[in-house]
């Protein structure tokens, strides 16, 4: 199972990176491969390629703002969550996504 995700928050400082960390931990607990792109104050880091996105089984956008380069996801099924959802219960967010596959 391959998961890709993008995290972004309005200020791009703490919550973007905290949400990414929570997703990485949740995936690790389940033995799921995940790549998380952050869109924060430092710009786009760990950027997802179109190949990453297309080949993923699950695509997640965790954001309370419009993400940059969203067009990369065109034609793909994407699950969207707020930053708060992931910070409160990343395990449940991931389980919700896994149950759809």
PDB file of N, CA and C in Angstrom:
ATOM      1  N   UNK A   1       0.848  -1.180   0.000  1.00  0.00           N
ATOM      2  CA  UNK A   1       0.000   0.000   0.000  1.00  0.00           C
ATOM      3  C   UNK A   1       0.885   1.232   0.000  1.00  0.00           C
ATOM      4  N   UNK A   2       0.646   2.118  -0.951  1.00  0.00           N
ATOM      5  CA  UNK A   2       1.433   3.342  -1.065  1.00  0.00           C
ATOM      6  C   UNK A   2       0.519   4.553  -0.880  1.00  0.00           C
ATOM      7  N   UNK A   3       0.923   5.440   0.043  1.00  0.00           N
ATOM      8  CA  UNK A   3       0.156   6.634   0.350  1.00  0.00           C
ATOM      9  C   UNK A   3       1.016   7.861   0.068  1.00  0.00           C
ATOM     10  N   UNK A   4       0.408   8.885  -0.514  1.00  0.00           N
ATOM     11  CA  UNK A   4       1.059  10.184  -0.645  1.00  0.00           C
ATOM     12  C   UNK A   4       0.151  11.217   0.005  1.00  0.00           C
ATOM     13  N   UNK A   5       0.758  12.251   0.559  1.00  0.00           N
ATOM     14  CA  UNK A   5      -0.018  13.293   1.229  1.00  0.00           C
ATOM     15  C   UNK A   5       0.665  14.643   1.068  1.00  0.00           C
ATOM     16  N   UNK A   6      -0.153  15.681   1.143  1.00  0.00           N
ATOM     17  CA  UNK A   6       0.330  17.059   1.182  1.00  0.00           C
ATOM     18  C   UNK A   6      -0.246  17.689   2.443  1.00  0.00           C
ATOM     19  N   UNK A   7       0.601  18.374   3.204  1.00  0.00           N
ATOM     20  CA  UNK A   7       0.113  19.123   4.359  1.00  0.00           C
ATOM     21  C   UNK A   7       0.435  20.599   4.166  1.00  0.00           C
ATOM     22  N   UNK A   8      -0.522  21.453   4.555  1.00  0.00           N
ATOM     23  CA  UNK A   8      -0.333  22.900   4.446  1.00  0.00           C
ATOM     24  C   UNK A   8      -1.287  23.593   5.408  1.00  0.00           C
ATOM     25  N   UNK A   9      -0.794  24.623   6.076  1.00  0.00           N
ATOM     26  CA  UNK A   9      -1.642  25.409   6.971  1.00  0.00           C
ATOM     27  C   UNK A   9      -1.485  26.890   6.618  1.00  0.00           C
ATOM     28  N   UNK A  10      -2.368  27.733   7.104  1.00  0.00           N
ATOM     29  CA  UNK A  10      -2.333  29.151   6.725  1.00  0.00           C
ATOM     30  C   UNK A  10      -0.994  29.852   6.982  1.00  0.00           C
ATOM     31  N   UNK A  11      -0.341  29.581   8.099  1.00  0.00           N
ATOM     32  CA  UNK A  11       0.922  30.262   8.373  1.00  0.00           C
ATOM     33  C   UNK A  11       2.127  29.465   7.890  1.00  0.00           C
ATOM     34  N   UNK A  12       1.945  28.164   7.698  1.00  0.00           N
ATOM     35  CA  UNK A  12       3.020  27.342   7.154  1.00  0.00           C
ATOM     36  C   UNK A  12       4.199  27.158   8.086  1.00  0.00           C
ATOM     37  N   UNK A  13       3.958  27.262   9.365  1.00  0.00           N
ATOM     38  CA  UNK A  13       5.068  27.125  10.305  1.00  0.00           C
ATOM     39  C   UNK A  13       4.936  25.810  11.059  1.00  0.00           C
ATOM     40  N   UNK A  14       4.182  25.776  12.122  1.00  0.00           N
ATOM     41  CA  UNK A  14       4.158  24.597  12.983  1.00  0.00           C
ATOM     42  C   UNK A  14       3.203  23.501  12.514  1.00  0.00           C
ATOM     43  N   UNK A  15       1.949  23.856  12.276  1.00  0.00           N
ATOM     44  CA  UNK A  15       0.941  22.822  12.040  1.00  0.00           C
ATOM     45  C   UNK A  15       1.182  22.017  10.769  1.00  0.00           C
ATOM     46  N   UNK A  16       1.735  22.637   9.739  1.00  0.00           N
ATOM     47  CA  UNK A  16       2.064  21.909   8.509  1.00  0.00           C
ATOM     48  C   UNK A  16       2.980  20.734   8.831  1.00  0.00           C
ATOM     49  N   UNK A  17       4.007  20.999   9.590  1.00  0.00           N
ATOM     50  CA  UNK A  17       5.019  19.982   9.896  1.00  0.00           C
ATOM     51  C   UNK A  17       4.549  19.003  10.969  1.00  0.00           C
ATOM     52  N   UNK A  18       3.736  19.481  11.901  1.00  0.00           N
ATOM     53  CA  UNK A  18       3.169  18.599  12.930  1.00  0.00           C
ATOM     54  C   UNK A  18       2.229  17.580  12.285  1.00  0.00           C
ATOM     55  N   UNK A  19       1.417  18.019  11.344  1.00  0.00           N
ATOM     56  CA  UNK A  19       0.498  17.107  10.656  1.00  0.00           C
ATOM     57  C   UNK A  19       1.278  16.075   9.839  1.00  0.00           C
ATOM     58  N   UNK A  20       2.330  16.514   9.176  1.00  0.00           N
ATOM     59  CA  UNK A  20       3.163  15.580   8.411  1.00  0.00           C
ATOM     60  C   UNK A  20       3.747  14.512   9.332  1.00  0.00           C
ATOM     61  N   UNK A  21       4.262  14.933  10.470  1.00  0.00           N
ATOM     62  CA  UNK A  21       4.846  14.002  11.429  1.00  0.00           C
ATOM     63  C   UNK A  21       3.811  12.998  11.939  1.00  0.00           C
ATOM     64  N   UNK A  22       2.603  13.466  12.211  1.00  0.00           N
ATOM     65  CA  UNK A  22       1.549  12.569  12.684  1.00  0.00           C
ATOM     66  C   UNK A  22       1.168  11.531  11.625  1.00  0.00           C
ATOM     67  N   UNK A  23       1.119  11.949  10.362  1.00  0.00           N
ATOM     68  CA  UNK A  23       0.832  10.999   9.286  1.00  0.00           C
ATOM     69  C   UNK A  23       1.943   9.967   9.155  1.00  0.00           C
ATOM     70  N   UNK A  24       3.180  10.415   9.249  1.00  0.00           N
ATOM     71  CA  UNK A  24       4.312   9.490   9.166  1.00  0.00           C
ATOM     72  C   UNK A  24       4.267   8.461  10.297  1.00  0.00           C
ATOM     73  N   UNK A  25       3.946   8.903  11.490  1.00  0.00           N
ATOM     74  CA  UNK A  25       3.837   7.983  12.635  1.00  0.00           C
ATOM     75  C   UNK A  25       2.697   6.992  12.440  1.00  0.00           C
ATOM     76  N   UNK A  26       1.538   7.492  12.025  1.00  0.00           N
ATOM     77  CA  UNK A  26       0.377   6.618  11.835  1.00  0.00           C
ATOM     78  C   UNK A  26       0.660   5.561  10.767  1.00  0.00           C
ATOM     79  N   UNK A  27       1.288   5.971   9.678  1.00  0.00           N
ATOM     80  CA  UNK A  27       1.627   5.019   8.616  1.00  0.00           C
ATOM     81  C   UNK A  27       2.641   3.998   9.121  1.00  0.00           C
ATOM     82  N   UNK A  28       3.617   4.451   9.895  1.00  0.00           N
ATOM     83  CA  UNK A  28       4.613   3.544  10.460  1.00  0.00           C
ATOM     84  C   UNK A  28       3.989   2.494  11.356  1.00  0.00           C
ATOM     85  N   UNK A  29       3.006   2.881  12.138  1.00  0.00           N
ATOM     86  CA  UNK A  29       2.305   1.933  13.021  1.00  0.00           C
ATOM     87  C   UNK A  29       1.576   0.859  12.226  1.00  0.00           C
ATOM     88  N   UNK A  30       1.153   1.197  11.026  1.00  0.00           N
ATOM     89  CA  UNK A  30       0.397   0.259  10.192  1.00  0.00           C
ATOM     90  C   UNK A  30       1.274  -0.425   9.140  1.00  0.00           C
ATOM     91  N   UNK A  31       2.534  -0.080   9.081  1.00  0.00           N
ATOM     92  CA  UNK A  31       3.416  -0.675   8.085  1.00  0.00           C
ATOM     93  C   UNK A  31       3.103  -0.239   6.666  1.00  0.00           C
ATOM     94  N   UNK A  32       2.605   0.985   6.535  1.00  0.00           N
ATOM     95  CA  UNK A  32       2.208   1.532   5.238  1.00  0.00           C
ATOM     96  C   UNK A  32       3.281   2.505   4.750  1.00  0.00           C
ATOM     97  N   UNK A  33       3.619   2.415   3.477  1.00  0.00           N
ATOM     98  CA  UNK A  33       4.586   3.336   2.872  1.00  0.00           C
ATOM     99  C   UNK A  33       3.907   4.680   2.617  1.00  0.00           C
ATOM    100  N   UNK A  34       4.555   5.770   3.041  1.00  0.00           N
ATOM    101  CA  UNK A  34       3.970   7.098   2.848  1.00  0.00           C
ATOM    102  C   UNK A  34       5.061   8.106   2.495  1.00  0.00           C
ATOM    103  N   UNK A  35       4.704   9.016   1.604  1.00  0.00           N
ATOM    104  CA  UNK A  35       5.555  10.167   1.289  1.00  0.00           C
ATOM    105  C   UNK A  35       4.702  11.401   1.525  1.00  0.00           C
ATOM    106  N   UNK A  36       5.212  12.325   2.337  1.00  0.00           N
ATOM    107  CA  UNK A  36       4.454  13.520   2.688  1.00  0.00           C
ATOM    108  C   UNK A  36       5.179  14.769   2.199  1.00  0.00           C
ATOM    109  N   UNK A  37       4.502  15.525   1.364  1.00  0.00           N
ATOM    110  CA  UNK A  37       4.987  16.825   0.914  1.00  0.00           C
ATOM    111  C   UNK A  37       4.471  17.880   1.881  1.00  0.00           C
ATOM    112  N   UNK A  38       5.344  18.781   2.306  1.00  0.00           N
ATOM    113  CA  UNK A  38       4.911  19.899   3.138  1.00  0.00           C
ATOM    114  C   UNK A  38       4.974  21.179   2.317  1.00  0.00           C
ATOM    115  N   UNK A  39       3.966  22.008   2.498  1.00  0.00           N
ATOM    116  CA  UNK A  39       3.930  23.318   1.860  1.00  0.00           C
ATOM    117  C   UNK A  39       3.863  24.334   2.990  1.00  0.00           C
ATOM    118  N   UNK A  40       5.032  24.751   3.426  1.00  0.00           N
ATOM    119  CA  UNK A  40       5.111  25.645   4.575  1.00  0.00           C
ATOM    120  C   UNK A  40       5.863  26.918   4.269  1.00  0.00           C
ATOM    121  N   UNK A  41       6.336  27.541   5.320  1.00  0.00           N
ATOM    122  CA  UNK A  41       7.058  28.807   5.201  1.00  0.00           C
ATOM    123  C   UNK A  41       8.318  28.673   4.347  1.00  0.00           C
ATOM    124  N   UNK A  42       8.868  27.487   4.287  1.00  0.00           N
ATOM    125  CA  UNK A  42      10.084  27.243   3.502  1.00  0.00           C
ATOM    126  C   UNK A  42       9.761  26.851   2.061  1.00  0.00           C
ATOM    127  N   UNK A  43       8.493  26.928   1.678  1.00  0.00           N
ATOM    128  CA  UNK A  43       8.077  26.527   0.338  1.00  0.00           C
ATOM    129  C   UNK A  43       7.698  25.057   0.319  1.00  0.00           C
ATOM    130  N   UNK A  44       7.727  24.461  -0.858  1.00  0.00           N
ATOM    131  CA  UNK A  44       7.398  23.042  -0.999  1.00  0.00           C
ATOM    132  C   UNK A  44       8.635  22.222  -0.680  1.00  0.00           C
ATOM    133  N   UNK A  45       8.464  21.294   0.269  1.00  0.00           N
ATOM    134  CA  UNK A  45       9.549  20.394   0.638  1.00  0.00           C
ATOM    135  C   UNK A  45       9.081  18.960   0.452  1.00  0.00           C
ATOM    136  N   UNK A  46      10.015  18.083   0.077  1.00  0.00           N
ATOM    137  CA  UNK A  46       9.724  16.673  -0.169  1.00  0.00           C
ATOM    138  C   UNK A  46       8.632  16.560  -1.247  1.00  0.00           C
ATOM    139  N   UNK A  47       8.800  17.314  -2.310  1.00  0.00           N
ATOM    140  CA  UNK A  47       7.784  17.467  -3.350  1.00  0.00           C
ATOM    141  C   UNK A  47       7.369  16.144  -3.973  1.00  0.00           C
ATOM    142  N   UNK A  48       6.063  15.970  -4.104  1.00  0.00           N
ATOM    143  CA  UNK A  48       5.511  14.806  -4.778  1.00  0.00           C
ATOM    144  C   UNK A  48       5.583  15.026  -6.282  1.00  0.00           C
ATOM    145  N   UNK A  49       6.030  14.017  -6.987  1.00  0.00           N
ATOM    146  CA  UNK A  49       6.031  14.087  -8.450  1.00  0.00           C
ATOM    147  C   UNK A  49       4.684  13.590  -8.955  1.00  0.00           C
ATOM    148  N   UNK A  50       4.402  13.867 -10.204  1.00  0.00           N
ATOM    149  CA  UNK A  50       3.172  13.346 -10.803  1.00  0.00           C
ATOM    150  C   UNK A  50       3.208  11.818 -10.746  1.00  0.00           C
ATOM    151  N   UNK A  51       4.372  11.221 -10.972  1.00  0.00           N
ATOM    152  CA  UNK A  51       4.506   9.755 -10.894  1.00  0.00           C
ATOM    153  C   UNK A  51       4.179   9.253  -9.491  1.00  0.00           C
ATOM    154  N   UNK A  52       4.644   9.958  -8.446  1.00  0.00           N
ATOM    155  CA  UNK A  52       4.307   9.581  -7.065  1.00  0.00           C
ATOM    156  C   UNK A  52       2.797   9.560  -6.877  1.00  0.00           C
ATOM    157  N   UNK A  53       2.150  10.603  -7.358  1.00  0.00           N
ATOM    158  CA  UNK A  53       0.709  10.770  -7.162  1.00  0.00           C
ATOM    159  C   UNK A  53      -0.076   9.718  -7.928  1.00  0.00           C
ATOM    160  N   UNK A  54       0.258   9.526  -9.181  1.00  0.00           N
ATOM    161  CA  UNK A  54      -0.473   8.581 -10.027  1.00  0.00           C
ATOM    162  C   UNK A  54      -0.302   7.144  -9.538  1.00  0.00           C
ATOM    163  N   UNK A  55       0.879   6.797  -9.057  1.00  0.00           N
ATOM    164  CA  UNK A  55       1.132   5.415  -8.633  1.00  0.00           C
ATOM    165  C   UNK A  55       0.649   5.112  -7.216  1.00  0.00           C
ATOM    166  N   UNK A  56       0.203   6.114  -6.480  1.00  0.00           N
ATOM    167  CA  UNK A  56      -0.244   5.904  -5.104  1.00  0.00           C
ATOM    168  C   UNK A  56      -1.601   5.208  -5.059  1.00  0.00           C
ATOM    169  N   UNK A  57      -1.790   4.415  -4.017  1.00  0.00           N
ATOM    170  CA  UNK A  57      -3.076   3.783  -3.771  1.00  0.00           C
ATOM    171  C   UNK A  57      -4.017   4.758  -3.070  1.00  0.00           C
ATOM    172  N   UNK A  58      -3.427   5.633  -2.254  1.00  0.00           N
ATOM    173  CA  UNK A  58      -4.192   6.615  -1.480  1.00  0.00           C
ATOM    174  C   UNK A  58      -3.520   7.971  -1.603  1.00  0.00           C
ATOM    175  N   UNK A  59      -4.332   9.012  -1.858  1.00  0.00           N
ATOM    176  CA  UNK A  59      -3.836  10.382  -1.947  1.00  0.00           C
ATOM    177  C   UNK A  59      -4.599  11.216  -0.929  1.00  0.00           C
ATOM    178  N   UNK A  60      -3.845  11.930  -0.092  1.00  0.00           N
ATOM    179  CA  UNK A  60      -4.463  12.704   0.987  1.00  0.00           C
ATOM    180  C   UNK A  60      -3.986  14.155   0.914  1.00  0.00           C
ATOM    181  N   UNK A  61      -4.915  15.083   1.040  1.00  0.00           N
ATOM    182  CA  UNK A  61      -4.568  16.496   1.191  1.00  0.00           C
ATOM    183  C   UNK A  61      -5.053  16.921   2.570  1.00  0.00           C
ATOM    184  N   UNK A  62      -4.116  17.397   3.372  1.00  0.00           N
ATOM    185  CA  UNK A  62      -4.408  17.865   4.723  1.00  0.00           C
ATOM    186  C   UNK A  62      -4.109  19.353   4.735  1.00  0.00           C
ATOM    187  N   UNK A  63      -5.161  20.151   4.658  1.00  0.00           N
ATOM    188  CA  UNK A  63      -4.936  21.585   4.510  1.00  0.00           C
ATOM    189  C   UNK A  63      -6.182  22.382   4.848  1.00  0.00           C
ATOM    190  N   UNK A  64      -5.955  23.570   5.359  1.00  0.00           N
ATOM    191  CA  UNK A  64      -7.037  24.515   5.600  1.00  0.00           C
ATOM    192  C   UNK A  64      -6.950  25.678   4.610  1.00  0.00           C
ATOM    193  N   UNK A  65      -6.061  25.537   3.629  1.00  0.00           N
ATOM    194  CA  UNK A  65      -5.891  26.533   2.571  1.00  0.00           C
ATOM    195  C   UNK A  65      -5.795  25.801   1.236  1.00  0.00           C
ATOM    196  N   UNK A  66      -5.825  26.540   0.151  1.00  0.00           N
ATOM    197  CA  UNK A  66      -5.632  25.964  -1.177  1.00  0.00           C
ATOM    198  C   UNK A  66      -4.153  25.593  -1.318  1.00  0.00           C
ATOM    199  N   UNK A  67      -3.875  24.346  -1.680  1.00  0.00           N
ATOM    200  CA  UNK A  67      -2.473  23.945  -1.825  1.00  0.00           C
ATOM    201  C   UNK A  67      -1.924  24.408  -3.170  1.00  0.00           C
ATOM    202  N   UNK A  68      -0.617  24.529  -3.230  1.00  0.00           N
ATOM    203  CA  UNK A  68       0.049  24.883  -4.477  1.00  0.00           C
ATOM    204  C   UNK A  68       0.103  23.659  -5.384  1.00  0.00           C
ATOM    205  N   UNK A  69       0.051  23.897  -6.671  1.00  0.00           N
ATOM    206  CA  UNK A  69       0.185  22.856  -7.689  1.00  0.00           C
ATOM    207  C   UNK A  69      -0.835  21.729  -7.529  1.00  0.00           C
ATOM    208  N   UNK A  70      -2.045  22.082  -7.159  1.00  0.00           N
ATOM    209  CA  UNK A  70      -3.105  21.090  -6.966  1.00  0.00           C
ATOM    210  C   UNK A  70      -3.436  20.359  -8.270  1.00  0.00           C
ATOM    211  N   UNK A  71      -3.141  20.978  -9.390  1.00  0.00           N
ATOM    212  CA  UNK A  71      -3.448  20.372 -10.687  1.00  0.00           C
ATOM    213  C   UNK A  71      -2.750  19.026 -10.877  1.00  0.00           C
ATOM    214  N   UNK A  72      -1.693  18.759 -10.112  1.00  0.00           N
ATOM    215  CA  UNK A  72      -1.003  17.466 -10.200  1.00  0.00           C
ATOM    216  C   UNK A  72      -1.934  16.306  -9.840  1.00  0.00           C
ATOM    217  N   UNK A  73      -2.997  16.592  -9.078  1.00  0.00           N
ATOM    218  CA  UNK A  73      -3.922  15.567  -8.613  1.00  0.00           C
ATOM    219  C   UNK A  73      -5.126  15.380  -9.539  1.00  0.00           C
ATOM    220  N   UNK A  74      -5.172  16.140 -10.636  1.00  0.00           N
ATOM    221  CA  UNK A  74      -6.309  16.095 -11.547  1.00  0.00           C
ATOM    222  C   UNK A  74      -6.538  14.659 -12.036  1.00  0.00           C
ATOM    223  N   UNK A  75      -7.778  14.219 -11.932  1.00  0.00           N
ATOM    224  CA  UNK A  75      -8.150  12.886 -12.382  1.00  0.00           C
ATOM    225  C   UNK A  75      -7.908  11.787 -11.358  1.00  0.00           C
ATOM    226  N   UNK A  76      -7.370  12.141 -10.203  1.00  0.00           N
ATOM    227  CA  UNK A  76      -7.092  11.164  -9.148  1.00  0.00           C
ATOM    228  C   UNK A  76      -8.085  11.330  -8.005  1.00  0.00           C
ATOM    229  N   UNK A  77      -8.431  10.235  -7.373  1.00  0.00           N
ATOM    230  CA  UNK A  77      -9.280  10.300  -6.187  1.00  0.00           C
ATOM    231  C   UNK A  77      -8.424  10.797  -5.029  1.00  0.00           C
ATOM    232  N   UNK A  78      -8.910  11.818  -4.339  1.00  0.00           N
ATOM    233  CA  UNK A  78      -8.166  12.434  -3.241  1.00  0.00           C
ATOM    234  C   UNK A  78      -9.081  12.554  -2.025  1.00  0.00           C
ATOM    235  N   UNK A  79      -8.558  12.199  -0.859  1.00  0.00           N
ATOM    236  CA  UNK A  79      -9.276  12.398   0.398  1.00  0.00           C
ATOM    237  C   UNK A  79      -8.732  13.671   1.038  1.00  0.00           C
ATOM    238  N   UNK A  80      -9.626  14.550   1.452  1.00  0.00           N
ATOM    239  CA  UNK A  80      -9.214  15.824   2.041  1.00  0.00           C
ATOM    240  C   UNK A  80      -9.622  15.893   3.511  1.00  0.00           C
ATOM    241  N   UNK A  81      -8.701  16.409   4.318  1.00  0.00           N
ATOM    242  CA  UNK A  81      -8.926  16.547   5.751  1.00  0.00           C
ATOM    243  C   UNK A  81      -8.362  17.886   6.210  1.00  0.00           C
ATOM    244  N   UNK A  82      -8.884  18.370   7.318  1.00  0.00           N
ATOM    245  CA  UNK A  82      -8.340  19.591   7.903  1.00  0.00           C
ATOM    246  C   UNK A  82      -7.084  19.243   8.702  1.00  0.00           C
ATOM    247  N   UNK A  83      -6.272  20.230   8.940  1.00  0.00           N
ATOM    248  CA  UNK A  83      -5.087  20.053   9.784  1.00  0.00           C
ATOM    249  C   UNK A  83      -5.517  19.536  11.154  1.00  0.00           C
ATOM    250  N   UNK A  84      -6.585  20.113  11.692  1.00  0.00           N
ATOM    251  CA  UNK A  84      -7.055  19.710  13.014  1.00  0.00           C
ATOM    252  C   UNK A  84      -7.412  18.228  13.069  1.00  0.00           C
ATOM    253  N   UNK A  85      -8.073  17.712  12.002  1.00  0.00           N
ATOM    254  CA  UNK A  85      -8.420  16.289  11.965  1.00  0.00           C
ATOM    255  C   UNK A  85      -7.190  15.412  12.180  1.00  0.00           C
ATOM    256  N   UNK A  86      -6.114  15.748  11.494  1.00  0.00           N
ATOM    257  CA  UNK A  86      -4.892  14.937  11.566  1.00  0.00           C
ATOM    258  C   UNK A  86      -4.181  15.129  12.898  1.00  0.00           C
ATOM    259  N   UNK A  87      -4.151  16.351  13.391  1.00  0.00           N
ATOM    260  CA  UNK A  87      -3.478  16.588  14.667  1.00  0.00           C
ATOM    261  C   UNK A  87      -4.199  15.886  15.820  1.00  0.00           C
ATOM    262  N   UNK A  88      -5.520  15.813  15.743  1.00  0.00           N
ATOM    263  CA  UNK A  88      -6.288  15.173  16.805  1.00  0.00           C
ATOM    264  C   UNK A  88      -6.227  13.649  16.693  1.00  0.00           C
ATOM    265  N   UNK A  89      -6.336  13.114  15.470  1.00  0.00           N
ATOM    266  CA  UNK A  89      -6.370  11.664  15.332  1.00  0.00           C
ATOM    267  C   UNK A  89      -5.908  11.207  13.952  1.00  0.00           C
ATOM    268  N   UNK A  90      -4.618  11.241  13.733  1.00  0.00           N
ATOM    269  CA  UNK A  90      -4.046  10.818  12.454  1.00  0.00           C
ATOM    270  C   UNK A  90      -4.325   9.347  12.177  1.00  0.00           C
ATOM    271  N   UNK A  91      -4.341   8.534  13.229  1.00  0.00           N
ATOM    272  CA  UNK A  91      -4.614   7.104  13.061  1.00  0.00           C
ATOM    273  C   UNK A  91      -5.996   6.899  12.431  1.00  0.00           C
ATOM    274  N   UNK A  92      -6.996   7.633  12.898  1.00  0.00           N
ATOM    275  CA  UNK A  92      -8.353   7.499  12.368  1.00  0.00           C
ATOM    276  C   UNK A  92      -8.435   8.020  10.931  1.00  0.00           C
ATOM    277  N   UNK A  93      -7.745   9.110  10.649  1.00  0.00           N
ATOM    278  CA  UNK A  93      -7.718   9.640   9.281  1.00  0.00           C
ATOM    279  C   UNK A  93      -7.154   8.591   8.329  1.00  0.00           C
ATOM    280  N   UNK A  94      -6.042   7.993   8.697  1.00  0.00           N
ATOM    281  CA  UNK A  94      -5.427   6.978   7.841  1.00  0.00           C
ATOM    282  C   UNK A  94      -6.347   5.761   7.714  1.00  0.00           C
ATOM    283  N   UNK A  95      -6.953   5.338   8.804  1.00  0.00           N
ATOM    284  CA  UNK A  95      -7.879   4.197   8.767  1.00  0.00           C
ATOM    285  C   UNK A  95      -9.050   4.482   7.830  1.00  0.00           C
ATOM    286  N   UNK A  96      -9.581   5.706   7.878  1.00  0.00           N
ATOM    287  CA  UNK A  96     -10.670   6.091   6.982  1.00  0.00           C
ATOM    288  C   UNK A  96     -10.242   5.942   5.531  1.00  0.00           C
ATOM    289  N   UNK A  97      -9.056   6.394   5.217  1.00  0.00           N
ATOM    290  CA  UNK A  97      -8.546   6.299   3.844  1.00  0.00           C
ATOM    291  C   UNK A  97      -8.301   4.853   3.427  1.00  0.00           C
ATOM    292  N   UNK A  98      -7.716   4.065   4.326  1.00  0.00           N
ATOM    293  CA  UNK A  98      -7.432   2.654   4.023  1.00  0.00           C
ATOM    294  C   UNK A  98      -8.719   1.861   3.804  1.00  0.00           C
ATOM    295  N   UNK A  99      -9.765   2.215   4.507  1.00  0.00           N
ATOM    296  CA  UNK A  99     -11.027   1.479   4.384  1.00  0.00           C
ATOM    297  C   UNK A  99     -11.708   1.721   3.030  1.00  0.00           C
ATOM    298  N   UNK A 100     -11.306   2.755   2.323  1.00  0.00           N
ATOM    299  CA  UNK A 100     -11.887   3.074   1.013  1.00  0.00           C
ATOM    300  C   UNK A 100     -11.213   2.319  -0.132  1.00  0.00           C
ATOM    301  N   UNK A 101     -10.092   1.667   0.164  1.00  0.00           N
ATOM    302  CA  UNK A 101      -9.340   0.987  -0.906  1.00  0.00           C
ATOM    303  C   UNK A 101      -9.778  -0.459  -1.014  1.00  0.00           C
TER     304      UNK A 101
END
